Amino acid sequence: MARREKLKNVKKPCPDHEKCIHVINLVIDGEANKDEEAFFYAHVRDCLDCAQYYKLEQSIRAAIRKKLEVKEAPEELIVELKKRVKDSFLNPSDDVS
């Protein structure tokens, strides 16, 4: 029951949302100092808005990292492309298609 009462109080908008967003981004980026981390962990425990923002921001960044993941090209493709580039410099008038 105490948890339910606590959640009723969490529905209020964050009074210091801009500062919190800044600190949340520092925490996610691994750039927060100890005081900022302590503020963050204490604050998101009681602030639903900031806790939701933190989870959303983490999800967005994870999705971006996954999309930007470096993938290796097949070795055959690399060899063929290098050959074509080399050939185009040696024979610039030839049509490389």
Protein backbone atom coordinates (compact mmCIF):
# COMPACT_ATOMS: atom_id res chain seq x y z
CA MET A 1 0.00 0.00 0.00
CA ALA A 2 2.87 2.41 0.76
CA ARG A 3 4.22 1.84 -2.77
CA ARG A 4 0.82 2.75 -4.24
CA GLU A 5 0.70 5.95 -2.19
CA LYS A 6 4.22 6.81 -3.28
CA LEU A 7 3.26 6.41 -6.94
CA LYS A 8 0.41 8.89 -6.49
CA ASN A 9 2.94 11.52 -5.54
CA VAL A 10 5.18 10.74 -8.51
CA LYS A 11 2.64 11.92 -11.09
CA LYS A 12 3.67 15.54 -10.51
CA PRO A 13 5.87 17.00 -13.25
CA CYS A 14 9.53 17.25 -12.38
CA PRO A 15 10.23 20.69 -10.87
CA ASP A 16 13.80 20.73 -12.22
CA HIS A 17 13.34 18.90 -15.50
CA GLU A 18 16.05 20.73 -17.51
CA LYS A 19 18.73 20.04 -14.90
CA CYS A 20 17.58 16.42 -14.69
CA ILE A 21 17.74 15.92 -18.45
CA HIS A 22 21.28 17.29 -18.44
CA VAL A 23 22.35 14.98 -15.60
CA ILE A 24 20.58 11.97 -17.16
CA ASN A 25 22.49 12.54 -20.40
CA LEU A 26 25.76 12.80 -18.47
CA VAL A 27 24.99 9.51 -16.70
CA ILE A 28 24.09 7.73 -19.94
CA ASP A 29 27.25 9.06 -21.62
CA GLY A 30 29.38 7.98 -18.65
CA GLU A 31 30.46 11.59 -18.03
CA ALA A 32 28.68 12.27 -14.71
CA ASN A 33 30.76 12.93 -11.62
CA LYS A 34 29.97 11.24 -8.29
CA ASP A 35 27.68 14.04 -7.10
CA GLU A 36 25.72 14.01 -10.36
CA GLU A 37 25.39 10.23 -10.22
CA ALA A 38 24.17 10.39 -6.61
CA PHE A 39 21.63 13.07 -7.56
CA PHE A 40 20.49 11.01 -10.55
CA TYR A 41 19.96 7.74 -8.68
CA ALA A 42 18.16 9.43 -5.79
CA HIS A 43 16.01 11.51 -8.13
CA VAL A 44 14.84 8.82 -10.59
CA ARG A 45 13.79 6.67 -7.66
CA ASP A 46 11.09 9.26 -6.88
CA CYS A 47 10.43 10.98 -10.22
CA LEU A 48 8.43 9.00 -12.76
CA ASP A 49 8.94 11.60 -15.51
CA CYS A 50 12.71 11.42 -15.25
CA ALA A 51 12.77 7.64 -14.85
CA GLN A 52 10.72 7.31 -18.04
CA TYR A 53 12.95 9.80 -19.86
CA TYR A 54 16.03 7.84 -18.75
CA LYS A 55 14.63 4.52 -20.01
CA LEU A 56 13.48 6.07 -23.29
CA GLU A 57 16.84 7.75 -23.89
CA GLN A 58 18.69 4.49 -23.15
CA SER A 59 16.45 2.63 -25.62
CA ILE A 60 16.94 5.22 -28.34
CA ARG A 61 20.70 5.19 -27.94
CA ALA A 62 20.81 1.38 -27.95
CA ALA A 63 18.78 1.31 -31.18
CA ILE A 64 21.09 3.86 -32.78
CA ARG A 65 24.20 1.92 -31.71
CA LYS A 66 22.72 -1.24 -33.18
CA LYS A 67 21.96 0.48 -36.50
CA LEU A 68 25.44 2.00 -36.64
CA GLU A 69 27.15 -1.29 -35.89
CA VAL A 70 30.19 -1.81 -38.11
CA LYS A 71 29.74 -4.78 -40.39
CA GLU A 72 32.54 -6.42 -42.30
CA ALA A 73 32.25 -6.72 -46.07
CA PRO A 74 32.92 -10.16 -47.56
CA GLU A 75 36.59 -10.60 -48.48
CA GLU A 76 35.71 -11.38 -52.11
CA LEU A 77 33.92 -8.02 -52.43
CA ILE A 78 36.88 -6.14 -50.95
CA VAL A 79 39.30 -7.83 -53.34
CA GLU A 80 37.06 -7.13 -56.35
CA LEU A 81 36.57 -3.46 -55.43
CA LYS A 82 40.30 -2.94 -54.91
CA LYS A 83 40.97 -4.55 -58.30
CA ARG A 84 38.42 -2.30 -60.02
CA VAL A 85 39.78 0.85 -58.39
CA LYS A 86 43.34 -0.10 -59.32
CA ASP A 87 42.30 -0.91 -62.89
CA SER A 88 40.42 2.38 -63.23
CA PHE A 89 43.57 4.32 -62.28
CA LEU A 90 45.78 2.31 -64.60
CA ASN A 91 43.31 2.50 -67.51
CA PRO A 92 41.24 5.67 -66.95
CA SER A 93 39.70 5.62 -70.45
CA ASP A 94 38.31 2.09 -70.08
CA ASP A 95 34.70 1.69 -68.99
CA VAL A 96 34.67 -0.12 -65.63
CA SER A 97 31.19 -1.61 -65.33
